[in-house]
Amino acid sequence: MFTGIIEEMGEVVAIDTRQDSARLSIRGPLVCSDAGFGSSIAVNGTCLTVTDLDDTTFSCDVMAETLARTALGRLAPGDRVDLERPVAVAGRLGGHIVQGHIDGVAELVSRTAGEHWEIFRFSLPAALARYVVEKGSIAINGTSLTVCQVSSAWFEVSLIPTTLTATVLGSLGPGDPVNIEVDVIAKYLESLMNKERPC
């Protein structure tokens, strides 16, 4: 489990594209510092398993299903990515509960500058609209954020300067894709409400 607090921006150093998968190699000295074979690391919000690593770089195999459901397939060498290690049991839940299971891909629609922040508007996939609520939590490329406005077709978040400089969100332009994960609690509640009660 993750909390949506990005630890460092890594860099894609190589992509080995295969017939039904890809292997990503990513430079991230901080997240590599205590990782091992089989460790989980969230890459732009997507929970991936470490298959190889050294002191500064780790590799992950990404299957076709993940490539189809996330924006990872659009990465290229040199791209920056947000990285987070799983939260320790005794750690602080600084953001919100983030599983690293991407629900869909959205696109940045616009950026509007404020005095000390920027408002980002993202497209909202129709299938996910019911899970996104004003003042609710959402993870964008793995970053835990609060929804400030929402409609059936878009949602907005306000980003402070720290978020703009410490994550890849600050480099986004209109049309750029992002991974989004909605609040898992909303999905579980919907599932429970739709199940028939036993006699």
N, C-alpha and C. Protein backbone atom coordinates (compact mmCIF):
# COMPACT_ATOMS: atom_id res chain seq x y z
N MET A 1 0.83 -1.19 0.00
CA MET A 1 0.00 0.00 0.00
C MET A 1 0.88 1.25 0.00
N PHE A 2 0.37 2.31 -0.64
CA PHE A 2 1.09 3.56 -0.74
C PHE A 2 0.23 4.68 -0.14
N THR A 3 0.82 5.86 -0.01
CA THR A 3 0.06 6.98 0.55
C THR A 3 -0.08 8.15 -0.40
N GLY A 4 0.57 8.09 -1.56
CA GLY A 4 0.46 9.18 -2.51
C GLY A 4 1.39 10.34 -2.22
N ILE A 5 2.40 10.12 -1.37
CA ILE A 5 3.41 11.14 -1.11
C ILE A 5 4.67 10.74 -1.89
N ILE A 6 4.93 11.45 -2.98
CA ILE A 6 6.04 11.09 -3.87
C ILE A 6 7.37 11.30 -3.17
N GLU A 7 8.25 10.30 -3.27
CA GLU A 7 9.55 10.38 -2.60
C GLU A 7 10.64 10.97 -3.48
N GLU A 8 10.60 10.67 -4.75
CA GLU A 8 11.59 11.25 -5.65
C GLU A 8 11.11 11.13 -7.09
N MET A 9 11.66 12.01 -7.94
CA MET A 9 11.43 11.89 -9.37
C MET A 9 12.56 11.06 -9.96
N GLY A 10 12.19 9.96 -10.58
CA GLY A 10 13.18 9.12 -11.24
C GLY A 10 13.23 9.43 -12.72
N GLU A 11 14.10 8.72 -13.42
CA GLU A 11 14.26 8.91 -14.86
C GLU A 11 14.27 7.56 -15.56
N VAL A 12 13.48 7.44 -16.61
CA VAL A 12 13.49 6.23 -17.42
C VAL A 12 14.80 6.19 -18.19
N VAL A 13 15.59 5.14 -17.98
CA VAL A 13 16.88 5.05 -18.67
C VAL A 13 16.83 4.08 -19.85
N ALA A 14 15.89 3.14 -19.83
CA ALA A 14 15.79 2.20 -20.95
C ALA A 14 14.42 1.55 -20.95
N ILE A 15 13.94 1.21 -22.13
CA ILE A 15 12.69 0.47 -22.29
C ILE A 15 12.94 -0.65 -23.28
N ASP A 16 12.71 -1.88 -22.83
CA ASP A 16 12.85 -3.05 -23.69
C ASP A 16 11.44 -3.51 -24.05
N THR A 17 11.00 -3.17 -25.26
CA THR A 17 9.64 -3.52 -25.69
C THR A 17 9.63 -4.93 -26.24
N ARG A 18 8.68 -5.73 -25.73
CA ARG A 18 8.56 -7.11 -26.16
C ARG A 18 7.19 -7.31 -26.81
N GLN A 19 6.89 -8.53 -27.23
CA GLN A 19 5.65 -8.77 -27.96
C GLN A 19 4.43 -8.46 -27.12
N ASP A 20 4.42 -8.90 -25.87
CA ASP A 20 3.24 -8.69 -25.03
C ASP A 20 3.59 -8.07 -23.68
N SER A 21 4.71 -7.37 -23.61
CA SER A 21 5.14 -6.78 -22.35
C SER A 21 6.26 -5.78 -22.63
N ALA A 22 6.76 -5.19 -21.57
CA ALA A 22 7.91 -4.30 -21.68
C ALA A 22 8.70 -4.37 -20.38
N ARG A 23 9.98 -4.10 -20.46
CA ARG A 23 10.80 -4.00 -19.26
C ARG A 23 11.29 -2.56 -19.15
N LEU A 24 10.95 -1.93 -18.03
CA LEU A 24 11.37 -0.56 -17.77
C LEU A 24 12.58 -0.58 -16.85
N SER A 25 13.56 0.23 -17.18
CA SER A 25 14.70 0.46 -16.29
C SER A 25 14.67 1.92 -15.88
N ILE A 26 14.66 2.16 -14.57
CA ILE A 26 14.42 3.50 -14.04
C ILE A 26 15.48 3.85 -13.01
N ARG A 27 16.06 5.04 -13.14
CA ARG A 27 17.04 5.52 -12.17
C ARG A 27 16.30 6.20 -11.02
N GLY A 28 16.55 5.70 -9.80
CA GLY A 28 15.92 6.26 -8.61
C GLY A 28 16.73 5.87 -7.39
N PRO A 29 17.80 6.59 -7.09
CA PRO A 29 18.70 6.19 -6.00
C PRO A 29 18.01 6.04 -4.64
N LEU A 30 17.06 6.91 -4.34
CA LEU A 30 16.41 6.83 -3.03
C LEU A 30 15.59 5.56 -2.89
N VAL A 31 14.74 5.27 -3.88
CA VAL A 31 13.89 4.09 -3.75
C VAL A 31 14.69 2.80 -3.89
N CYS A 32 15.86 2.89 -4.53
CA CYS A 32 16.72 1.70 -4.64
C CYS A 32 17.48 1.42 -3.34
N SER A 33 17.56 2.41 -2.46
CA SER A 33 18.44 2.31 -1.28
C SER A 33 18.10 1.15 -0.36
N ASP A 34 16.82 0.77 -0.29
CA ASP A 34 16.46 -0.36 0.57
C ASP A 34 15.58 -1.36 -0.15
N ALA A 35 15.58 -1.31 -1.49
CA ALA A 35 14.79 -2.24 -2.28
C ALA A 35 15.57 -3.53 -2.50
N GLY A 36 14.84 -4.56 -2.88
CA GLY A 36 15.45 -5.84 -3.22
C GLY A 36 14.62 -6.52 -4.29
N PHE A 37 15.09 -7.66 -4.74
CA PHE A 37 14.35 -8.42 -5.73
C PHE A 37 12.95 -8.73 -5.20
N GLY A 38 11.92 -8.38 -5.96
CA GLY A 38 10.55 -8.63 -5.55
C GLY A 38 9.91 -7.48 -4.81
N SER A 39 10.66 -6.42 -4.51
CA SER A 39 10.08 -5.25 -3.84
C SER A 39 9.07 -4.56 -4.74
N SER A 40 8.13 -3.86 -4.13
CA SER A 40 7.16 -3.07 -4.88
C SER A 40 7.59 -1.60 -4.88
N ILE A 41 7.46 -0.96 -6.02
CA ILE A 41 7.69 0.48 -6.16
C ILE A 41 6.60 1.02 -7.06
N ALA A 42 5.98 2.12 -6.65
CA ALA A 42 4.97 2.76 -7.49
C ALA A 42 5.66 3.69 -8.47
N VAL A 43 5.40 3.46 -9.75
CA VAL A 43 5.96 4.28 -10.83
C VAL A 43 4.80 5.03 -11.48
N ASN A 44 4.78 6.35 -11.32
CA ASN A 44 3.63 7.14 -11.76
C ASN A 44 2.32 6.54 -11.26
N GLY A 45 2.37 6.06 -10.02
CA GLY A 45 1.18 5.54 -9.37
C GLY A 45 0.89 4.09 -9.62
N THR A 46 1.66 3.44 -10.47
CA THR A 46 1.43 2.04 -10.82
C THR A 46 2.35 1.15 -10.00
N CYS A 47 1.79 0.23 -9.23
CA CYS A 47 2.60 -0.66 -8.41
C CYS A 47 3.29 -1.69 -9.31
N LEU A 48 4.63 -1.66 -9.32
CA LEU A 48 5.41 -2.58 -10.12
C LEU A 48 6.37 -3.35 -9.22
N THR A 49 6.79 -4.52 -9.70
CA THR A 49 7.67 -5.40 -8.94
C THR A 49 9.09 -5.31 -9.47
N VAL A 50 10.03 -5.10 -8.57
CA VAL A 50 11.45 -5.01 -8.94
C VAL A 50 11.95 -6.38 -9.36
N THR A 51 12.50 -6.46 -10.58
CA THR A 51 13.06 -7.72 -11.08
C THR A 51 14.58 -7.69 -11.16
N ASP A 52 15.15 -6.50 -11.06
CA ASP A 52 16.61 -6.37 -11.09
C ASP A 52 16.95 -4.98 -10.57
N LEU A 53 18.09 -4.80 -9.93
CA LEU A 53 18.47 -3.48 -9.46
C LEU A 53 19.95 -3.43 -9.09
N ASP A 54 20.46 -2.18 -9.06
CA ASP A 54 21.76 -1.92 -8.49
C ASP A 54 21.61 -0.75 -7.53
N ASP A 55 22.66 -0.01 -7.26
CA ASP A 55 22.57 1.04 -6.26
C ASP A 55 21.67 2.21 -6.68
N THR A 56 21.51 2.40 -7.97
CA THR A 56 20.77 3.59 -8.42
C THR A 56 19.63 3.30 -9.39
N THR A 57 19.59 2.10 -9.96
CA THR A 57 18.62 1.81 -11.02
C THR A 57 17.92 0.48 -10.76
N PHE A 58 16.62 0.45 -11.05
CA PHE A 58 15.87 -0.79 -10.92
C PHE A 58 15.11 -1.07 -12.21
N SER A 59 14.78 -2.33 -12.41
CA SER A 59 14.01 -2.74 -13.58
C SER A 59 12.74 -3.43 -13.15
N CYS A 60 11.69 -3.27 -13.98
CA CYS A 60 10.40 -3.88 -13.72
C CYS A 60 9.83 -4.42 -15.02
N ASP A 61 9.17 -5.56 -14.96
CA ASP A 61 8.46 -6.10 -16.12
C ASP A 61 7.02 -5.60 -16.06
N VAL A 62 6.54 -5.09 -17.18
CA VAL A 62 5.18 -4.55 -17.27
C VAL A 62 4.41 -5.37 -18.30
N MET A 63 3.37 -6.06 -17.85
CA MET A 63 2.63 -6.93 -18.77
C MET A 63 1.66 -6.11 -19.63
N ALA A 64 1.13 -6.76 -20.67
CA ALA A 64 0.27 -6.09 -21.64
C ALA A 64 -0.95 -5.46 -20.98
N GLU A 65 -1.53 -6.14 -20.00
CA GLU A 65 -2.71 -5.60 -19.30
C GLU A 65 -2.40 -4.26 -18.66
N THR A 66 -1.25 -4.15 -18.02
CA THR A 66 -0.86 -2.90 -17.38
C THR A 66 -0.57 -1.82 -18.41
N LEU A 67 0.08 -2.20 -19.49
CA LEU A 67 0.37 -1.22 -20.55
C LEU A 67 -0.92 -0.68 -21.16
N ALA A 68 -1.94 -1.53 -21.27
CA ALA A 68 -3.21 -1.12 -21.88
C ALA A 68 -4.03 -0.23 -20.96
N ARG A 69 -3.89 -0.40 -19.65
CA ARG A 69 -4.74 0.31 -18.70
C ARG A 69 -4.08 1.53 -18.08
N THR A 70 -2.82 1.77 -18.39
CA THR A 70 -2.10 2.90 -17.82
C THR A 70 -1.40 3.69 -18.92
N ALA A 71 -0.77 4.78 -18.52
CA ALA A 71 -0.01 5.59 -19.47
C ALA A 71 1.46 5.18 -19.52
N LEU A 72 1.83 4.08 -18.87
CA LEU A 72 3.23 3.66 -18.86
C LEU A 72 3.74 3.33 -20.25
N GLY A 73 2.85 2.84 -21.12
CA GLY A 73 3.26 2.48 -22.47
C GLY A 73 3.68 3.67 -23.31
N ARG A 74 3.40 4.88 -22.84
CA ARG A 74 3.76 6.08 -23.60
C ARG A 74 5.08 6.69 -23.11
N LEU A 75 5.70 6.05 -22.14
CA LEU A 75 6.98 6.56 -21.65
C LEU A 75 8.09 6.33 -22.66
N ALA A 76 9.12 7.17 -22.58
CA ALA A 76 10.30 7.05 -23.44
C ALA A 76 11.54 7.30 -22.59
N PRO A 77 12.69 6.78 -23.00
CA PRO A 77 13.92 7.06 -22.25
C PRO A 77 14.13 8.56 -22.08
N GLY A 78 14.51 8.95 -20.88
CA GLY A 78 14.68 10.36 -20.55
C GLY A 78 13.50 10.97 -19.85
N ASP A 79 12.33 10.31 -19.92
CA ASP A 79 11.15 10.84 -19.24
C ASP A 79 11.32 10.74 -17.72
N ARG A 80 10.78 11.72 -17.03
CA ARG A 80 10.79 11.71 -15.57
C ARG A 80 9.53 10.99 -15.08
N VAL A 81 9.66 10.27 -13.98
CA VAL A 81 8.53 9.54 -13.39
C VAL A 81 8.52 9.74 -11.88
N ASP A 82 7.33 9.73 -11.30
CA ASP A 82 7.19 9.84 -9.85
C ASP A 82 7.34 8.47 -9.22
N LEU A 83 8.10 8.41 -8.12
CA LEU A 83 8.40 7.14 -7.46
C LEU A 83 8.01 7.20 -5.98
N GLU A 84 7.47 6.08 -5.50
CA GLU A 84 7.15 5.96 -4.07
C GLU A 84 7.30 4.50 -3.65
N ARG A 85 7.93 4.30 -2.50
CA ARG A 85 8.00 2.97 -1.91
C ARG A 85 6.74 2.71 -1.07
N PRO A 86 6.39 1.46 -0.82
CA PRO A 86 5.23 1.17 0.03
C PRO A 86 5.42 1.76 1.42
N VAL A 87 4.30 2.13 2.04
CA VAL A 87 4.35 2.69 3.38
C VAL A 87 4.67 1.59 4.39
N ALA A 88 5.52 1.88 5.34
CA ALA A 88 5.81 0.93 6.41
C ALA A 88 4.61 0.85 7.36
N VAL A 89 4.44 -0.29 8.01
CA VAL A 89 3.29 -0.48 8.90
C VAL A 89 3.23 0.60 9.97
N ALA A 90 4.38 1.03 10.45
CA ALA A 90 4.42 2.06 11.49
C ALA A 90 4.52 3.47 10.91
N GLY A 91 4.44 3.57 9.59
CA GLY A 91 4.60 4.87 8.96
C GLY A 91 3.35 5.73 9.03
N ARG A 92 3.50 7.00 8.64
CA ARG A 92 2.37 7.94 8.63
C ARG A 92 1.63 7.83 7.30
N LEU A 93 0.31 7.91 7.37
CA LEU A 93 -0.52 7.94 6.17
C LEU A 93 -0.66 9.40 5.77
N GLY A 94 0.38 9.92 5.10
CA GLY A 94 0.43 11.35 4.81
C GLY A 94 -0.57 11.81 3.78
N GLY A 95 -0.94 10.93 2.85
CA GLY A 95 -1.91 11.29 1.83
C GLY A 95 -3.23 10.59 2.07
N HIS A 96 -3.49 9.54 1.27
CA HIS A 96 -4.65 8.69 1.51
C HIS A 96 -4.29 7.28 1.08
N ILE A 97 -5.18 6.33 1.27
CA ILE A 97 -4.89 4.95 0.91
C ILE A 97 -4.81 4.82 -0.61
N VAL A 98 -3.62 4.50 -1.11
CA VAL A 98 -3.39 4.34 -2.54
C VAL A 98 -2.88 2.92 -2.77
N GLN A 99 -3.54 2.18 -3.64
CA GLN A 99 -3.17 0.79 -3.86
C GLN A 99 -2.10 0.62 -4.94
N GLY A 100 -1.99 1.58 -5.83
CA GLY A 100 -1.11 1.40 -6.97
C GLY A 100 -1.77 0.63 -8.09
N HIS A 101 -3.10 0.52 -8.03
CA HIS A 101 -3.89 -0.16 -9.06
C HIS A 101 -4.62 0.92 -9.87
N ILE A 102 -4.15 1.19 -11.05
CA ILE A 102 -4.66 2.30 -11.84
C ILE A 102 -6.05 1.99 -12.37
N ASP A 103 -6.96 2.95 -12.23
CA ASP A 103 -8.34 2.78 -12.69
C ASP A 103 -8.55 3.29 -14.11
N GLY A 104 -7.71 4.20 -14.56
CA GLY A 104 -7.89 4.73 -15.90
C GLY A 104 -6.85 5.79 -16.22
N VAL A 105 -6.92 6.27 -17.44
CA VAL A 105 -6.01 7.31 -17.92
C VAL A 105 -6.82 8.56 -18.23
N ALA A 106 -6.37 9.69 -17.71
CA ALA A 106 -7.00 10.98 -18.00
C ALA A 106 -5.99 11.84 -18.74
N GLU A 107 -6.45 12.98 -19.24
CA GLU A 107 -5.56 13.92 -19.91
C GLU A 107 -5.70 15.29 -19.27
N LEU A 108 -4.59 16.01 -19.20
CA LEU A 108 -4.64 17.38 -18.71
C LEU A 108 -5.36 18.24 -19.75
N VAL A 109 -6.39 18.95 -19.30
CA VAL A 109 -7.15 19.83 -20.18
C VAL A 109 -6.58 21.24 -20.17
N SER A 110 -6.29 21.74 -18.95
CA SER A 110 -5.80 23.11 -18.84
C SER A 110 -5.09 23.32 -17.51
N ARG A 111 -4.25 24.38 -17.48
CA ARG A 111 -3.60 24.86 -16.27
C ARG A 111 -3.93 26.33 -16.12
N THR A 112 -4.41 26.71 -14.92
CA THR A 112 -4.73 28.11 -14.65
C THR A 112 -3.94 28.57 -13.44
N ALA A 113 -3.10 29.57 -13.64
CA ALA A 113 -2.23 30.03 -12.57
C ALA A 113 -2.98 30.92 -11.59
N GLY A 114 -2.74 30.70 -10.28
CA GLY A 114 -3.24 31.56 -9.23
C GLY A 114 -2.08 32.31 -8.61
N GLU A 115 -2.32 32.98 -7.51
CA GLU A 115 -1.26 33.76 -6.88
C GLU A 115 -0.17 32.87 -6.31
N HIS A 116 -0.57 31.78 -5.64
CA HIS A 116 0.40 30.88 -5.01
C HIS A 116 0.15 29.42 -5.37
N TRP A 117 -0.60 29.15 -6.41
CA TRP A 117 -0.93 27.78 -6.78
C TRP A 117 -1.35 27.76 -8.24
N GLU A 118 -1.60 26.55 -8.74
CA GLU A 118 -2.16 26.40 -10.09
C GLU A 118 -3.33 25.42 -10.03
N ILE A 119 -4.35 25.70 -10.80
CA ILE A 119 -5.50 24.81 -10.91
C ILE A 119 -5.33 23.99 -12.18
N PHE A 120 -5.32 22.68 -12.01
CA PHE A 120 -5.22 21.75 -13.13
C PHE A 120 -6.59 21.13 -13.38
N ARG A 121 -7.04 21.17 -14.62
CA ARG A 121 -8.29 20.50 -15.00
C ARG A 121 -7.93 19.27 -15.84
N PHE A 122 -8.46 18.12 -15.44
CA PHE A 122 -8.24 16.86 -16.14
C PHE A 122 -9.54 16.32 -16.69
N SER A 123 -9.45 15.63 -17.82
CA SER A 123 -10.62 14.91 -18.32
C SER A 123 -10.98 13.81 -17.33
N LEU A 124 -12.25 13.43 -17.32
CA LEU A 124 -12.71 12.41 -16.38
C LEU A 124 -13.39 11.29 -17.16
N PRO A 125 -12.76 10.11 -17.23
CA PRO A 125 -13.40 8.99 -17.92
C PRO A 125 -14.79 8.72 -17.36
N ALA A 126 -15.75 8.53 -18.24
CA ALA A 126 -17.15 8.39 -17.83
C ALA A 126 -17.35 7.26 -16.81
N ALA A 127 -16.61 6.18 -16.98
CA ALA A 127 -16.78 5.03 -16.09
C ALA A 127 -16.31 5.31 -14.66
N LEU A 128 -15.53 6.37 -14.47
CA LEU A 128 -14.99 6.67 -13.14
C LEU A 128 -15.65 7.88 -12.49
N ALA A 129 -16.52 8.56 -13.22
CA ALA A 129 -17.09 9.82 -12.73
C ALA A 129 -17.82 9.65 -11.40
N ARG A 130 -18.48 8.54 -11.20
CA ARG A 130 -19.27 8.35 -9.97
C ARG A 130 -18.40 8.22 -8.72
N TYR A 131 -17.11 7.96 -8.89
CA TYR A 131 -16.22 7.80 -7.74
C TYR A 131 -15.50 9.09 -7.35
N VAL A 132 -15.64 10.13 -8.15
CA VAL A 132 -14.89 11.37 -7.92
C VAL A 132 -15.83 12.42 -7.36
N VAL A 133 -15.53 12.92 -6.15
CA VAL A 133 -16.40 13.87 -5.49
C VAL A 133 -15.60 15.08 -5.02
N GLU A 134 -16.27 16.21 -4.94
CA GLU A 134 -15.61 17.42 -4.45
C GLU A 134 -15.12 17.21 -3.02
N LYS A 135 -13.90 17.61 -2.77
CA LYS A 135 -13.19 17.46 -1.50
C LYS A 135 -12.80 16.01 -1.21
N GLY A 136 -12.99 15.13 -2.18
CA GLY A 136 -12.56 13.75 -2.03
C GLY A 136 -11.11 13.59 -2.49
N SER A 137 -10.55 12.42 -2.27
CA SER A 137 -9.16 12.15 -2.64
C SER A 137 -9.08 11.45 -3.99
N ILE A 138 -8.01 11.75 -4.72
CA ILE A 138 -7.71 11.07 -5.98
C ILE A 138 -6.20 11.04 -6.13
N ALA A 139 -5.68 9.98 -6.74
CA ALA A 139 -4.25 9.88 -6.99
C ALA A 139 -4.01 10.12 -8.48
N ILE A 140 -3.16 11.10 -8.79
CA ILE A 140 -2.81 11.41 -10.17
C ILE A 140 -1.33 11.15 -10.35
N ASN A 141 -1.01 10.17 -11.22
CA ASN A 141 0.37 9.70 -11.35
C ASN A 141 0.96 9.35 -9.99
N GLY A 142 0.10 8.87 -9.11
CA GLY A 142 0.55 8.43 -7.79
C GLY A 142 0.56 9.49 -6.72
N THR A 143 0.29 10.75 -7.08
CA THR A 143 0.29 11.84 -6.11
C THR A 143 -1.09 12.00 -5.49
N SER A 144 -1.18 11.94 -4.18
CA SER A 144 -2.44 12.11 -3.48
C SER A 144 -2.87 13.58 -3.53
N LEU A 145 -4.06 13.82 -4.08
CA LEU A 145 -4.56 15.18 -4.24
C LEU A 145 -6.03 15.25 -3.84
N THR A 146 -6.48 16.46 -3.56
CA THR A 146 -7.87 16.70 -3.20
C THR A 146 -8.60 17.33 -4.37
N VAL A 147 -9.74 16.76 -4.71
CA VAL A 147 -10.56 17.30 -5.80
C VAL A 147 -11.21 18.59 -5.32
N CYS A 148 -11.03 19.67 -6.07
CA CYS A 148 -11.65 20.95 -5.66
C CYS A 148 -12.92 21.26 -6.44
N GLN A 149 -13.03 20.76 -7.66
CA GLN A 149 -14.27 20.87 -8.41
C GLN A 149 -14.39 19.66 -9.32
N VAL A 150 -15.64 19.28 -9.64
CA VAL A 150 -15.85 18.12 -10.49
C VAL A 150 -17.14 18.29 -11.28
N SER A 151 -17.13 17.79 -12.51
CA SER A 151 -18.34 17.71 -13.32
C SER A 151 -18.39 16.30 -13.90
N SER A 152 -19.31 16.03 -14.78
CA SER A 152 -19.42 14.69 -15.37
C SER A 152 -18.28 14.40 -16.35
N ALA A 153 -17.60 15.45 -16.83
CA ALA A 153 -16.60 15.26 -17.86
C ALA A 153 -15.19 15.66 -17.43
N TRP A 154 -15.05 16.35 -16.29
CA TRP A 154 -13.73 16.80 -15.86
C TRP A 154 -13.70 16.96 -14.34
N PHE A 155 -12.48 17.06 -13.82
CA PHE A 155 -12.30 17.41 -12.41
C PHE A 155 -11.09 18.31 -12.30
N GLU A 156 -11.04 19.08 -11.20
CA GLU A 156 -9.93 20.00 -10.99
C GLU A 156 -9.27 19.75 -9.65
N VAL A 157 -7.95 19.99 -9.62
CA VAL A 157 -7.17 19.95 -8.38
C VAL A 157 -6.32 21.20 -8.34
N SER A 158 -6.01 21.66 -7.13
CA SER A 158 -5.14 22.82 -6.95
C SER A 158 -3.78 22.34 -6.46
N LEU A 159 -2.73 22.78 -7.14
CA LEU A 159 -1.38 22.33 -6.81
C LEU A 159 -0.54 23.47 -6.26
N ILE A 160 0.05 23.23 -5.10
CA ILE A 160 0.94 24.22 -4.50
C ILE A 160 2.31 24.14 -5.16
N PRO A 161 3.16 25.16 -4.99
CA PRO A 161 4.48 25.15 -5.63
C PRO A 161 5.31 23.91 -5.31
N THR A 162 5.23 23.41 -4.08
CA THR A 162 6.00 22.23 -3.70
C THR A 162 5.63 21.04 -4.57
N THR A 163 4.35 20.83 -4.79
CA THR A 163 3.89 19.72 -5.63
C THR A 163 4.34 19.91 -7.07
N LEU A 164 4.30 21.14 -7.54
CA LEU A 164 4.69 21.43 -8.91
C LEU A 164 6.16 21.15 -9.16
N THR A 165 7.00 21.37 -8.14
CA THR A 165 8.44 21.17 -8.32
C THR A 165 8.91 19.77 -7.91
N ALA A 166 8.18 19.11 -7.03
CA ALA A 166 8.64 17.82 -6.49
C ALA A 166 8.03 16.62 -7.20
N THR A 167 7.14 16.85 -8.15
CA THR A 167 6.52 15.75 -8.90
C THR A 167 6.53 16.07 -10.39
N VAL A 168 6.22 15.07 -11.20
CA VAL A 168 6.18 15.28 -12.65
C VAL A 168 4.98 16.10 -13.07
N LEU A 169 4.04 16.33 -12.18
CA LEU A 169 2.84 17.09 -12.54
C LEU A 169 3.20 18.50 -13.01
N GLY A 170 4.24 19.08 -12.43
CA GLY A 170 4.62 20.43 -12.80
C GLY A 170 5.08 20.58 -14.23
N SER A 171 5.47 19.49 -14.88
CA SER A 171 5.96 19.55 -16.26
C SER A 171 4.89 19.21 -17.29
N LEU A 172 3.67 18.93 -16.82
CA LEU A 172 2.61 18.53 -17.74
C LEU A 172 2.10 19.70 -18.58
N GLY A 173 1.68 19.38 -19.80
CA GLY A 173 1.03 20.35 -20.67
C GLY A 173 -0.29 19.78 -21.15
N PRO A 174 -1.18 20.62 -21.67
CA PRO A 174 -2.47 20.14 -22.16
C PRO A 174 -2.31 18.97 -23.14
N GLY A 175 -3.12 17.95 -22.92
CA GLY A 175 -3.07 16.75 -23.75
C GLY A 175 -2.21 15.64 -23.19
N ASP A 176 -1.39 15.95 -22.20
CA ASP A 176 -0.53 14.91 -21.61
C ASP A 176 -1.38 13.93 -20.81
N PRO A 177 -1.09 12.62 -20.93
CA PRO A 177 -1.85 11.61 -20.19
C PRO A 177 -1.32 11.41 -18.78
N VAL A 178 -2.21 11.04 -17.87
CA VAL A 178 -1.83 10.73 -16.49
C VAL A 178 -2.60 9.50 -16.03
N ASN A 179 -1.98 8.76 -15.12
CA ASN A 179 -2.66 7.64 -14.47
C ASN A 179 -3.51 8.17 -13.33
N ILE A 180 -4.73 7.67 -13.22
CA ILE A 180 -5.56 8.07 -12.08
C ILE A 180 -6.06 6.83 -11.34
N GLU A 181 -6.09 6.97 -10.03
CA GLU A 181 -6.67 5.94 -9.15
C GLU A 181 -7.67 6.63 -8.24
N VAL A 182 -8.91 6.17 -8.31
CA VAL A 182 -9.95 6.76 -7.46
C VAL A 182 -9.88 6.14 -6.07
N ASP A 183 -10.65 6.69 -5.16
CA ASP A 183 -10.64 6.24 -3.77
C ASP A 183 -11.19 4.82 -3.68
N VAL A 184 -10.38 3.89 -3.20
CA VAL A 184 -10.78 2.48 -3.13
C VAL A 184 -11.98 2.29 -2.20
N ILE A 185 -12.14 3.14 -1.19
CA ILE A 185 -13.27 3.00 -0.27
C ILE A 185 -14.59 3.17 -1.03
N ALA A 186 -14.63 4.11 -1.97
CA ALA A 186 -15.84 4.33 -2.75
C ALA A 186 -16.18 3.10 -3.58
N LYS A 187 -15.18 2.43 -4.12
CA LYS A 187 -15.42 1.24 -4.94
C LYS A 187 -15.95 0.09 -4.10
N TYR A 188 -15.37 -0.08 -2.90
CA TYR A 188 -15.85 -1.14 -2.02
C TYR A 188 -17.28 -0.88 -1.56
N LEU A 189 -17.59 0.37 -1.22
CA LEU A 189 -18.94 0.70 -0.79
C LEU A 189 -19.95 0.41 -1.90
N GLU A 190 -19.61 0.78 -3.11
CA GLU A 190 -20.51 0.51 -4.24
C GLU A 190 -20.73 -0.98 -4.40
N SER A 191 -19.66 -1.76 -4.31
CA SER A 191 -19.77 -3.20 -4.46
C SER A 191 -20.65 -3.81 -3.38
N LEU A 192 -20.47 -3.35 -2.14
CA LEU A 192 -21.28 -3.88 -1.03
C LEU A 192 -22.74 -3.50 -1.17
N MET A 193 -23.00 -2.28 -1.60
CA MET A 193 -24.39 -1.83 -1.76
C MET A 193 -25.12 -2.58 -2.87
N ASN A 194 -24.35 -3.04 -3.86
CA ASN A 194 -24.98 -3.74 -4.99
C ASN A 194 -25.15 -5.23 -4.77
N LYS A 195 -24.57 -5.75 -3.69
CA LYS A 195 -24.71 -7.18 -3.40
C LYS A 195 -26.05 -7.42 -2.70
N GLU A 196 -26.68 -8.53 -3.06
CA GLU A 196 -27.93 -8.90 -2.40
C GLU A 196 -27.64 -9.35 -0.97
N ARG A 197 -28.50 -8.92 -0.07
CA ARG A 197 -28.34 -9.32 1.34
C ARG A 197 -28.84 -10.76 1.51
N PRO A 198 -28.13 -11.55 2.34
CA PRO A 198 -28.60 -12.92 2.59
C PRO A 198 -29.90 -12.91 3.37
N CYS A 199 -30.69 -13.95 3.19
CA CYS A 199 -31.99 -14.05 3.89
C CYS A 199 -31.77 -14.21 5.39
